[in-house]
Amino acid sequence: MPLSTTGELVAEAASSAGAVAAFNVITLEHIEAVIAAAEAAGEPVVLQLSENAVQFHGGRMHPTAAAAVSAAHRSDVPVALHLDHVKNEALLQDAADCGFSSVMFDAAHLPYQENVAATRKAVRWAHANGLWLEAELGEVGGKDGTGPLDAHAPGARTDPDEARRFVEETGVDALAVAIGSSHAMTSRDARIDNDLLHRLRLALEVPLVLHGSSGLSDQEIQRAVQGGINKVNIGTALSIAMTTAVRATLAADPSAVDPRGYLAAGRRAVTGTVTALLATVTTAASASLPVRSA
């Protein structure tokens, strides 16, 4: 199947008041597992390669992106490729040549006006090269080894009025909003600020993206989608699944040396995790859940 675009998948999900699931991948086993789960579910999916993952591969984006593109072409379901949390402009400008249809340009760590200027420049380049661009306002926290921000810390939550100005000033295609989740969480006890999400949805016409979704329970993810989230980013949950399975396999057989054994176990575990999360995300629009005030 030809590569889909992130913009198309997000727009289709939003048209039915739903969300598309986007999974961060690091290795070929991640890519294979995500697509296997998506095919079993019959659901579209976004494969995300982050700047951190590119650095893990020696700063070379092309080999992993090429593997993702090849797997997507052989998939029975729509698959799009997204470059996630990019700060490096050179990496951003390699995206169009690697099969990516979208980029999340990350300048949220900068003061507001600098964020606007950097993001506007990135948007202009992306649109000129046929790419859909996502940005972030507020700070989700938990990236690069930092802890989650306190809920009341300046910049920890996305302000609806500021978000409206930001979208108008930059021309972004989607906005990642800080509403209570955090990257790199290994527990699932984060809570979404539903009142804030409601105000953001009323203030903005662009699709809303939720980062740090691994730290949310299934019910919180469903509430977020029902509240207006159109793209749900998940990464750490996949790492937990793979590492747990690999660790258990090697503990059960300390003499094992063939990586195919423990990598196969890791891949199966990731497939199971993705299958469960796809069901959570894609059934959210039709689920009937009470809206909890934050």
C-alpha atoms as a PDB file:
ATOM      1  CA  MET A   1       0.000   0.000   0.000  1.00  0.00           C
ATOM      2  CA  PRO A   2       1.355   3.509  -0.781  1.00  0.00           C
ATOM      3  CA  LEU A   3       2.494   5.612   2.156  1.00  0.00           C
ATOM      4  CA  SER A   4      -0.307   7.634   3.686  1.00  0.00           C
ATOM      5  CA  THR A   5       0.237  11.115   5.061  1.00  0.00           C
ATOM      6  CA  THR A   6      -0.143  12.059   8.688  1.00  0.00           C
ATOM      7  CA  GLY A   7      -2.346  14.994   7.737  1.00  0.00           C
ATOM      8  CA  GLU A   8      -4.769  12.700   5.918  1.00  0.00           C
ATOM      9  CA  LEU A   9      -4.971  10.212   8.789  1.00  0.00           C
ATOM     10  CA  VAL A  10      -5.476  12.933  11.395  1.00  0.00           C
ATOM     11  CA  ALA A  11      -8.121  14.685   9.290  1.00  0.00           C
ATOM     12  CA  GLU A  12      -9.990  11.426   8.745  1.00  0.00           C
ATOM     13  CA  ALA A  13      -9.953  10.649  12.471  1.00  0.00           C
ATOM     14  CA  ALA A  14     -11.054  14.183  13.365  1.00  0.00           C
ATOM     15  CA  SER A  15     -13.955  13.992  10.915  1.00  0.00           C
ATOM     16  CA  SER A  16     -15.466  11.246  13.070  1.00  0.00           C
ATOM     17  CA  ALA A  17     -14.547  12.919  16.395  1.00  0.00           C
ATOM     18  CA  GLY A  18     -11.762  10.408  16.912  1.00  0.00           C
ATOM     19  CA  ALA A  19      -7.983  10.148  16.953  1.00  0.00           C
ATOM     20  CA  VAL A  20      -5.230   8.301  15.138  1.00  0.00           C
ATOM     21  CA  ALA A  21      -2.656   6.434  17.232  1.00  0.00           C
ATOM     22  CA  ALA A  22       0.979   7.378  16.631  1.00  0.00           C
ATOM     23  CA  PHE A  23       3.716   5.097  17.970  1.00  0.00           C
ATOM     24  CA  ASN A  24       7.373   5.985  18.446  1.00  0.00           C
ATOM     25  CA  VAL A  25       9.694   3.357  16.993  1.00  0.00           C
ATOM     26  CA  ILE A  26      13.394   2.807  17.594  1.00  0.00           C
ATOM     27  CA  THR A  27      14.297  -0.519  15.965  1.00  0.00           C
ATOM     28  CA  LEU A  28      13.072  -2.645  13.071  1.00  0.00           C
ATOM     29  CA  GLU A  29      11.334  -4.863  15.631  1.00  0.00           C
ATOM     30  CA  HIS A  30       9.287  -1.869  16.807  1.00  0.00           C
ATOM     31  CA  ILE A  31       8.283  -1.090  13.222  1.00  0.00           C
ATOM     32  CA  GLU A  32       7.267  -4.687  12.514  1.00  0.00           C
ATOM     33  CA  ALA A  33       5.328  -4.963  15.765  1.00  0.00           C
ATOM     34  CA  VAL A  34       3.354  -1.755  15.273  1.00  0.00           C
ATOM     35  CA  ILE A  35       2.364  -2.643  11.715  1.00  0.00           C
ATOM     36  CA  ALA A  36       1.443  -6.219  12.703  1.00  0.00           C
ATOM     37  CA  ALA A  37      -0.891  -4.882  15.384  1.00  0.00           C
ATOM     38  CA  ALA A  38      -2.390  -2.281  13.047  1.00  0.00           C
ATOM     39  CA  GLU A  39      -3.046  -4.936  10.395  1.00  0.00           C
ATOM     40  CA  ALA A  40      -4.684  -7.248  12.931  1.00  0.00           C
ATOM     41  CA  ALA A  41      -6.909  -4.387  14.087  1.00  0.00           C
ATOM     42  CA  GLY A  42      -7.557  -3.091  10.579  1.00  0.00           C
ATOM     43  CA  GLU A  43      -6.652   0.415  11.724  1.00  0.00           C
ATOM     44  CA  PRO A  44      -4.371   3.118  10.277  1.00  0.00           C
ATOM     45  CA  VAL A  45      -1.284   4.061  12.230  1.00  0.00           C
ATOM     46  CA  VAL A  46       1.490   6.640  12.324  1.00  0.00           C
ATOM     47  CA  LEU A  47       5.089   5.470  12.794  1.00  0.00           C
ATOM     48  CA  GLN A  48       7.122   8.122  14.591  1.00  0.00           C
ATOM     49  CA  LEU A  49      10.905   8.414  14.608  1.00  0.00           C
ATOM     50  CA  SER A  50      12.191  10.943  17.117  1.00  0.00           C
ATOM     51  CA  GLU A  51      15.347  13.021  16.984  1.00  0.00           C
ATOM     52  CA  ASN A  52      16.553  11.031  20.017  1.00  0.00           C
ATOM     53  CA  ALA A  53      16.048   7.776  18.104  1.00  0.00           C
ATOM     54  CA  VAL A  54      17.995   9.193  15.161  1.00  0.00           C
ATOM     55  CA  GLN A  55      20.835  10.067  17.534  1.00  0.00           C
ATOM     56  CA  PHE A  56      20.756   6.484  18.838  1.00  0.00           C
ATOM     57  CA  HIS A  57      21.392   5.343  15.263  1.00  0.00           C
ATOM     58  CA  GLY A  58      24.492   7.492  14.997  1.00  0.00           C
ATOM     59  CA  GLY A  59      22.655  10.543  13.710  1.00  0.00           C
ATOM     60  CA  ARG A  60      21.719   8.694  10.501  1.00  0.00           C
ATOM     61  CA  MET A  61      18.033   8.973   9.787  1.00  0.00           C
ATOM     62  CA  HIS A  62      17.869   7.329   6.352  1.00  0.00           C
ATOM     63  CA  PRO A  63      18.372   3.619   7.281  1.00  0.00           C
ATOM     64  CA  THR A  64      15.605   3.451   9.905  1.00  0.00           C
ATOM     65  CA  ALA A  65      13.292   5.656   7.850  1.00  0.00           C
ATOM     66  CA  ALA A  66      13.888   3.446   4.809  1.00  0.00           C
ATOM     67  CA  ALA A  67      12.959   0.363   6.843  1.00  0.00           C
ATOM     68  CA  ALA A  68       9.764   2.071   7.986  1.00  0.00           C
ATOM     69  CA  VAL A  69       8.873   3.121   4.441  1.00  0.00           C
ATOM     70  CA  SER A  70       9.505  -0.395   3.115  1.00  0.00           C
ATOM     71  CA  ALA A  71       7.351  -1.957   5.838  1.00  0.00           C
ATOM     72  CA  ALA A  72       4.598   0.597   5.242  1.00  0.00           C
ATOM     73  CA  HIS A  73       4.502  -0.166   1.510  1.00  0.00           C
ATOM     74  CA  ARG A  74       3.931  -3.828   2.335  1.00  0.00           C
ATOM     75  CA  SER A  75       1.244  -3.138   4.923  1.00  0.00           C
ATOM     76  CA  ASP A  76      -2.438  -3.928   4.456  1.00  0.00           C
ATOM     77  CA  VAL A  77      -3.463  -0.775   6.359  1.00  0.00           C
ATOM     78  CA  PRO A  78      -2.640   2.919   5.882  1.00  0.00           C
ATOM     79  CA  VAL A  79       0.679   3.868   7.483  1.00  0.00           C
ATOM     80  CA  ALA A  80       2.235   7.330   7.694  1.00  0.00           C
ATOM     81  CA  LEU A  81       5.745   8.330   8.775  1.00  0.00           C
ATOM     82  CA  HIS A  82       6.296  11.231  11.191  1.00  0.00           C
ATOM     83  CA  LEU A  83       9.537  12.822  12.431  1.00  0.00           C
ATOM     84  CA  ASP A  84       9.052  13.597  16.118  1.00  0.00           C
ATOM     85  CA  HIS A  85      10.488  16.242  18.488  1.00  0.00           C
ATOM     86  CA  VAL A  86      12.922  17.781  16.033  1.00  0.00           C
ATOM     87  CA  LYS A  87      15.064  20.704  17.163  1.00  0.00           C
ATOM     88  CA  ASN A  88      17.884  20.298  14.647  1.00  0.00           C
ATOM     89  CA  GLU A  89      17.122  22.251  11.455  1.00  0.00           C
ATOM     90  CA  ALA A  90      19.411  20.067   9.340  1.00  0.00           C
ATOM     91  CA  LEU A  91      17.454  16.995  10.442  1.00  0.00           C
ATOM     92  CA  LEU A  92      14.189  18.782   9.705  1.00  0.00           C
ATOM     93  CA  GLN A  93      15.365  19.500   6.183  1.00  0.00           C
ATOM     94  CA  ASP A  94      16.265  15.841   5.584  1.00  0.00           C
ATOM     95  CA  ALA A  95      12.704  14.751   6.350  1.00  0.00           C
ATOM     96  CA  ALA A  96      11.208  15.248   2.905  1.00  0.00           C
ATOM     97  CA  ASP A  97      13.845  13.007   1.307  1.00  0.00           C
ATOM     98  CA  CYS A  98      13.249  10.159   3.778  1.00  0.00           C
ATOM     99  CA  GLY A  99       9.552   9.511   3.279  1.00  0.00           C
ATOM    100  CA  PHE A 100       8.235  11.604   6.157  1.00  0.00           C
ATOM    101  CA  SER A 101       4.969  13.408   5.468  1.00  0.00           C
ATOM    102  CA  SER A 102       5.028  15.338   8.736  1.00  0.00           C
ATOM    103  CA  VAL A 103       7.319  16.761  11.391  1.00  0.00           C
ATOM    104  CA  MET A 104       6.856  17.801  14.998  1.00  0.00           C
ATOM    105  CA  PHE A 105       9.128  20.837  15.335  1.00  0.00           C
ATOM    106  CA  ASP A 106       9.978  21.304  19.008  1.00  0.00           C
ATOM    107  CA  ALA A 107      10.726  24.857  20.123  1.00  0.00           C
ATOM    108  CA  ALA A 108       8.498  24.701  23.221  1.00  0.00           C
ATOM    109  CA  HIS A 109      11.540  25.084  25.483  1.00  0.00           C
ATOM    110  CA  LEU A 110      12.110  28.620  24.133  1.00  0.00           C
ATOM    111  CA  PRO A 111      10.465  31.812  25.406  1.00  0.00           C
ATOM    112  CA  TYR A 112       7.157  32.456  23.634  1.00  0.00           C
ATOM    113  CA  GLN A 113       8.351  34.954  20.998  1.00  0.00           C
ATOM    114  CA  GLU A 114      11.397  32.843  20.146  1.00  0.00           C
ATOM    115  CA  ASN A 115       9.167  29.779  19.882  1.00  0.00           C
ATOM    116  CA  VAL A 116       6.880  31.670  17.495  1.00  0.00           C
ATOM    117  CA  ALA A 117       9.771  32.881  15.329  1.00  0.00           C
ATOM    118  CA  ALA A 118      11.476  29.479  15.125  1.00  0.00           C
ATOM    119  CA  THR A 119       8.222  27.624  14.502  1.00  0.00           C
ATOM    120  CA  ARG A 120       7.046  30.100  11.841  1.00  0.00           C
ATOM    121  CA  LYS A 121      10.335  29.580   9.981  1.00  0.00           C
ATOM    122  CA  ALA A 122       9.962  25.799  10.242  1.00  0.00           C
ATOM    123  CA  VAL A 123       6.356  25.959   9.011  1.00  0.00           C
ATOM    124  CA  ARG A 124       7.334  27.978   5.953  1.00  0.00           C
ATOM    125  CA  TRP A 125      10.038  25.481   5.042  1.00  0.00           C
ATOM    126  CA  ALA A 126       7.791  22.484   5.725  1.00  0.00           C
ATOM    127  CA  HIS A 127       4.890  23.790   3.645  1.00  0.00           C
ATOM    128  CA  ALA A 128       7.212  24.697   0.781  1.00  0.00           C
ATOM    129  CA  ASN A 129       8.383  21.086   0.794  1.00  0.00           C
ATOM    130  CA  GLY A 130       4.983  19.432   1.161  1.00  0.00           C
ATOM    131  CA  LEU A 131       5.219  18.570   4.847  1.00  0.00           C
ATOM    132  CA  TRP A 132       2.546  18.891   7.557  1.00  0.00           C
ATOM    133  CA  LEU A 133       3.949  20.510  10.708  1.00  0.00           C
ATOM    134  CA  GLU A 134       3.032  19.960  14.348  1.00  0.00           C
ATOM    135  CA  ALA A 135       4.363  22.151  17.156  1.00  0.00           C
ATOM    136  CA  GLU A 136       4.029  22.314  20.936  1.00  0.00           C
ATOM    137  CA  LEU A 137       2.968  25.098  23.266  1.00  0.00           C
ATOM    138  CA  GLY A 138       3.291  24.653  26.982  1.00  0.00           C
ATOM    139  CA  GLU A 139       5.701  21.965  28.115  1.00  0.00           C
ATOM    140  CA  VAL A 140       4.737  18.325  28.429  1.00  0.00           C
ATOM    141  CA  GLY A 141       7.953  17.549  30.339  1.00  0.00           C
ATOM    142  CA  GLY A 142       9.826  14.285  30.782  1.00  0.00           C
ATOM    143  CA  LYS A 143      12.086  14.628  27.726  1.00  0.00           C
ATOM    144  CA  ASP A 144      15.857  14.136  27.819  1.00  0.00           C
ATOM    145  CA  GLY A 145      15.839  12.784  31.361  1.00  0.00           C
ATOM    146  CA  THR A 146      14.022  15.718  32.933  1.00  0.00           C
ATOM    147  CA  GLY A 147      11.128  15.117  35.290  1.00  0.00           C
ATOM    148  CA  PRO A 148       7.539  16.170  34.659  1.00  0.00           C
ATOM    149  CA  LEU A 149       6.736  19.789  35.393  1.00  0.00           C
ATOM    150  CA  ASP A 150       4.630  20.655  38.404  1.00  0.00           C
ATOM    151  CA  ALA A 151       1.066  21.186  37.230  1.00  0.00           C
ATOM    152  CA  HIS A 152       1.145  24.793  38.404  1.00  0.00           C
ATOM    153  CA  ALA A 153       4.627  25.688  37.139  1.00  0.00           C
ATOM    154  CA  PRO A 154       4.792  28.522  34.575  1.00  0.00           C
ATOM    155  CA  GLY A 155       4.513  27.031  31.113  1.00  0.00           C
ATOM    156  CA  ALA A 156       3.439  23.609  32.344  1.00  0.00           C
ATOM    157  CA  ARG A 157      -0.031  23.946  30.816  1.00  0.00           C
ATOM    158  CA  THR A 158      -1.107  25.370  27.468  1.00  0.00           C
ATOM    159  CA  ASP A 159      -3.041  28.620  27.764  1.00  0.00           C
ATOM    160  CA  PRO A 160      -5.993  28.713  25.298  1.00  0.00           C
ATOM    161  CA  ASP A 161      -5.652  32.409  24.428  1.00  0.00           C
ATOM    162  CA  GLU A 162      -1.914  32.103  23.912  1.00  0.00           C
ATOM    163  CA  ALA A 163      -2.467  28.951  21.861  1.00  0.00           C
ATOM    164  CA  ARG A 164      -4.892  30.779  19.561  1.00  0.00           C
ATOM    165  CA  ARG A 165      -2.324  33.523  18.963  1.00  0.00           C
ATOM    166  CA  PHE A 166       0.431  30.972  18.452  1.00  0.00           C
ATOM    167  CA  VAL A 167      -1.497  29.109  15.765  1.00  0.00           C
ATOM    168  CA  GLU A 168      -2.396  32.350  13.990  1.00  0.00           C
ATOM    169  CA  GLU A 169       1.187  33.649  14.125  1.00  0.00           C
ATOM    170  CA  THR A 170       2.903  30.450  13.027  1.00  0.00           C
ATOM    171  CA  GLY A 171       0.464  28.704  10.675  1.00  0.00           C
ATOM    172  CA  VAL A 172       1.045  25.261  12.225  1.00  0.00           C
ATOM    173  CA  ASP A 173      -1.091  22.356  11.036  1.00  0.00           C
ATOM    174  CA  ALA A 174      -1.540  20.799  14.492  1.00  0.00           C
ATOM    175  CA  LEU A 175      -0.722  21.681  18.079  1.00  0.00           C
ATOM    176  CA  ALA A 176       0.564  19.434  20.851  1.00  0.00           C
ATOM    177  CA  VAL A 177      -0.957  20.685  24.081  1.00  0.00           C
ATOM    178  CA  ALA A 178       0.198  20.318  27.675  1.00  0.00           C
ATOM    179  CA  ILE A 179      -2.841  19.195  29.668  1.00  0.00           C
ATOM    180  CA  GLY A 180      -1.387  16.923  32.349  1.00  0.00           C
ATOM    181  CA  SER A 181       0.527  14.118  30.633  1.00  0.00           C
ATOM    182  CA  SER A 182       4.303  13.696  30.664  1.00  0.00           C
ATOM    183  CA  HIS A 183       6.865  11.896  28.535  1.00  0.00           C
ATOM    184  CA  ALA A 184       8.743   8.802  29.744  1.00  0.00           C
ATOM    185  CA  MET A 185       6.257   7.817  32.455  1.00  0.00           C
ATOM    186  CA  THR A 186       6.456   4.160  33.486  1.00  0.00           C
ATOM    187  CA  SER A 187       3.252   4.315  35.556  1.00  0.00           C
ATOM    188  CA  ARG A 188      -0.210   5.082  34.184  1.00  0.00           C
ATOM    189  CA  ASP A 189      -1.481   7.492  36.807  1.00  0.00           C
ATOM    190  CA  ALA A 190      -1.291  10.857  35.009  1.00  0.00           C
ATOM    191  CA  ARG A 191      -4.560  12.792  34.923  1.00  0.00           C
ATOM    192  CA  ILE A 192      -5.880  14.903  32.062  1.00  0.00           C
ATOM    193  CA  ASP A 193      -7.183  18.418  32.759  1.00  0.00           C
ATOM    194  CA  ASN A 194     -10.476  17.982  30.906  1.00  0.00           C
ATOM    195  CA  ASP A 195     -11.673  21.520  31.572  1.00  0.00           C
ATOM    196  CA  LEU A 196      -8.524  22.931  29.966  1.00  0.00           C
ATOM    197  CA  LEU A 197      -8.827  20.524  27.034  1.00  0.00           C
ATOM    198  CA  HIS A 198     -12.402  21.690  26.473  1.00  0.00           C
ATOM    199  CA  ARG A 199     -11.298  25.342  26.403  1.00  0.00           C
ATOM    200  CA  LEU A 200      -8.458  24.545  24.011  1.00  0.00           C
ATOM    201  CA  ARG A 201     -10.803  22.696  21.675  1.00  0.00           C
ATOM    202  CA  LEU A 202     -13.149  25.702  21.609  1.00  0.00           C
ATOM    203  CA  ALA A 203     -10.259  28.119  21.021  1.00  0.00           C
ATOM    204  CA  LEU A 204      -8.510  26.247  18.200  1.00  0.00           C
ATOM    205  CA  GLU A 205      -9.482  24.931  14.786  1.00  0.00           C
ATOM    206  CA  VAL A 206      -6.330  22.888  14.161  1.00  0.00           C
ATOM    207  CA  PRO A 207      -6.081  19.247  15.315  1.00  0.00           C
ATOM    208  CA  LEU A 208      -4.867  18.744  18.878  1.00  0.00           C
ATOM    209  CA  VAL A 209      -2.120  16.261  19.740  1.00  0.00           C
ATOM    210  CA  LEU A 210      -1.493  14.507  23.051  1.00  0.00           C
ATOM    211  CA  HIS A 211       2.103  13.643  23.928  1.00  0.00           C
ATOM    212  CA  GLY A 212       3.172  11.431  26.831  1.00  0.00           C
ATOM    213  CA  SER A 213       0.148   9.162  26.496  1.00  0.00           C
ATOM    214  CA  SER A 214       1.950   6.127  27.959  1.00  0.00           C
ATOM    215  CA  GLY A 215       1.390   7.666  31.390  1.00  0.00           C
ATOM    216  CA  LEU A 216      -2.396   7.656  31.022  1.00  0.00           C
ATOM    217  CA  SER A 217      -4.838   4.900  31.859  1.00  0.00           C
ATOM    218  CA  ASP A 218      -7.085   3.587  29.091  1.00  0.00           C
ATOM    219  CA  GLN A 219      -9.980   5.595  30.508  1.00  0.00           C
ATOM    220  CA  GLU A 220      -7.946   8.815  30.579  1.00  0.00           C
ATOM    221  CA  ILE A 221      -6.874   8.276  26.955  1.00  0.00           C
ATOM    222  CA  GLN A 222     -10.498   7.778  25.964  1.00  0.00           C
ATOM    223  CA  ARG A 223     -11.560  10.917  27.826  1.00  0.00           C
ATOM    224  CA  ALA A 224      -8.820  12.863  26.044  1.00  0.00           C
ATOM    225  CA  VAL A 225     -10.012  11.679  22.632  1.00  0.00           C
ATOM    226  CA  GLN A 226     -13.626  12.428  23.519  1.00  0.00           C
ATOM    227  CA  GLY A 227     -12.493  15.875  24.639  1.00  0.00           C
ATOM    228  CA  GLY A 228     -11.018  16.703  21.239  1.00  0.00           C
ATOM    229  CA  ILE A 229      -7.579  15.090  20.911  1.00  0.00           C
ATOM    230  CA  ASN A 230      -7.021  13.918  17.308  1.00  0.00           C
ATOM    231  CA  LYS A 231      -3.557  12.328  17.497  1.00  0.00           C
ATOM    232  CA  VAL A 232      -2.348  10.246  20.439  1.00  0.00           C
ATOM    233  CA  ASN A 233       1.437   9.792  20.756  1.00  0.00           C
ATOM    234  CA  ILE A 234       2.712   6.673  22.537  1.00  0.00           C
ATOM    235  CA  GLY A 235       6.319   5.613  23.026  1.00  0.00           C
ATOM    236  CA  THR A 236       7.391   4.540  26.511  1.00  0.00           C
ATOM    237  CA  ALA A 237       4.733   1.821  26.732  1.00  0.00           C
ATOM    238  CA  LEU A 238       6.415   0.079  23.806  1.00  0.00           C
ATOM    239  CA  SER A 239       9.821   0.294  25.468  1.00  0.00           C
ATOM    240  CA  ILE A 240       8.413  -1.169  28.688  1.00  0.00           C
ATOM    241  CA  ALA A 241       6.852  -4.068  26.791  1.00  0.00           C
ATOM    242  CA  MET A 242      10.001  -4.879  24.829  1.00  0.00           C
ATOM    243  CA  THR A 243      12.427  -4.546  27.733  1.00  0.00           C
ATOM    244  CA  THR A 244      10.262  -6.615  30.077  1.00  0.00           C
ATOM    245  CA  ALA A 245       9.979  -9.427  27.537  1.00  0.00           C
ATOM    246  CA  VAL A 246      13.685  -9.415  26.670  1.00  0.00           C
ATOM    247  CA  ARG A 247      14.662  -9.380  30.351  1.00  0.00           C
ATOM    248  CA  ALA A 248      12.326 -12.304  31.136  1.00  0.00           C
ATOM    249  CA  THR A 249      13.556 -14.342  28.159  1.00  0.00           C
ATOM    250  CA  LEU A 250      17.206 -13.943  29.090  1.00  0.00           C
ATOM    251  CA  ALA A 251      16.510 -14.637  32.770  1.00  0.00           C
ATOM    252  CA  ALA A 252      14.752 -17.868  31.827  1.00  0.00           C
ATOM    253  CA  ASP A 253      17.723 -18.996  29.722  1.00  0.00           C
ATOM    254  CA  PRO A 254      20.992 -17.349  30.848  1.00  0.00           C
ATOM    255  CA  SER A 255      22.934 -19.351  28.256  1.00  0.00           C
ATOM    256  CA  ALA A 256      21.015 -17.841  25.320  1.00  0.00           C
ATOM    257  CA  VAL A 257      23.198 -15.994  22.826  1.00  0.00           C
ATOM    258  CA  ASP A 258      21.082 -15.834  19.666  1.00  0.00           C
ATOM    259  CA  PRO A 259      19.421 -12.393  19.617  1.00  0.00           C
ATOM    260  CA  ARG A 260      16.567 -13.692  17.468  1.00  0.00           C
ATOM    261  CA  GLY A 261      15.075 -15.459  20.465  1.00  0.00           C
ATOM    262  CA  TYR A 262      14.825 -12.520  22.823  1.00  0.00           C
ATOM    263  CA  LEU A 263      14.114  -9.977  20.075  1.00  0.00           C
ATOM    264  CA  ALA A 264      11.222 -12.121  18.857  1.00  0.00           C
ATOM    265  CA  ALA A 265       9.834 -12.148  22.391  1.00  0.00           C
ATOM    266  CA  GLY A 266      10.231  -8.382  22.577  1.00  0.00           C
ATOM    267  CA  ARG A 267       8.514  -7.912  19.232  1.00  0.00           C
ATOM    268  CA  ARG A 268       5.565 -10.080  20.302  1.00  0.00           C
ATOM    269  CA  ALA A 269       5.210  -8.085  23.499  1.00  0.00           C
ATOM    270  CA  VAL A 270       5.210  -4.780  21.618  1.00  0.00           C
ATOM    271  CA  THR A 271       2.591  -6.136  19.218  1.00  0.00           C
ATOM    272  CA  GLY A 272       0.359  -7.018  22.163  1.00  0.00           C
ATOM    273  CA  THR A 273       0.775  -3.603  23.746  1.00  0.00           C
ATOM    274  CA  VAL A 274       0.064  -1.781  20.490  1.00  0.00           C
ATOM    275  CA  THR A 275      -2.997  -3.956  19.868  1.00  0.00           C
ATOM    276  CA  ALA A 276      -4.455  -3.015  23.246  1.00  0.00           C
ATOM    277  CA  LEU A 277      -3.689   0.687  22.858  1.00  0.00           C
ATOM    278  CA  LEU A 278      -5.121   0.811  19.340  1.00  0.00           C
ATOM    279  CA  ALA A 279      -8.366  -0.595  20.712  1.00  0.00           C
ATOM    280  CA  THR A 280      -8.390   2.077  23.416  1.00  0.00           C
ATOM    281  CA  VAL A 281      -7.772   4.956  21.029  1.00  0.00           C
ATOM    282  CA  THR A 282     -10.051   3.860  18.214  1.00  0.00           C
ATOM    283  CA  THR A 283     -13.047   3.006  20.387  1.00  0.00           C
ATOM    284  CA  ALA A 284     -12.916   6.264  22.318  1.00  0.00           C
ATOM    285  CA  ALA A 285     -15.214   8.170  19.967  1.00  0.00           C
ATOM    286  CA  SER A 286     -18.037   5.674  20.489  1.00  0.00           C
ATOM    287  CA  ALA A 287     -17.414   5.016  24.193  1.00  0.00           C
ATOM    288  CA  SER A 288     -19.759   6.537  26.710  1.00  0.00           C
ATOM    289  CA  LEU A 289     -17.711   7.950  29.561  1.00  0.00           C
ATOM    290  CA  PRO A 290     -18.544  10.628  32.093  1.00  0.00           C
ATOM    291  CA  VAL A 291     -16.448  13.764  31.722  1.00  0.00           C
ATOM    292  CA  ARG A 292     -14.457  14.333  34.880  1.00  0.00           C
ATOM    293  CA  SER A 293     -13.541  17.839  35.932  1.00  0.00           C
ATOM    294  CA  ALA A 294      -9.833  18.246  36.684  1.00  0.00           C
END
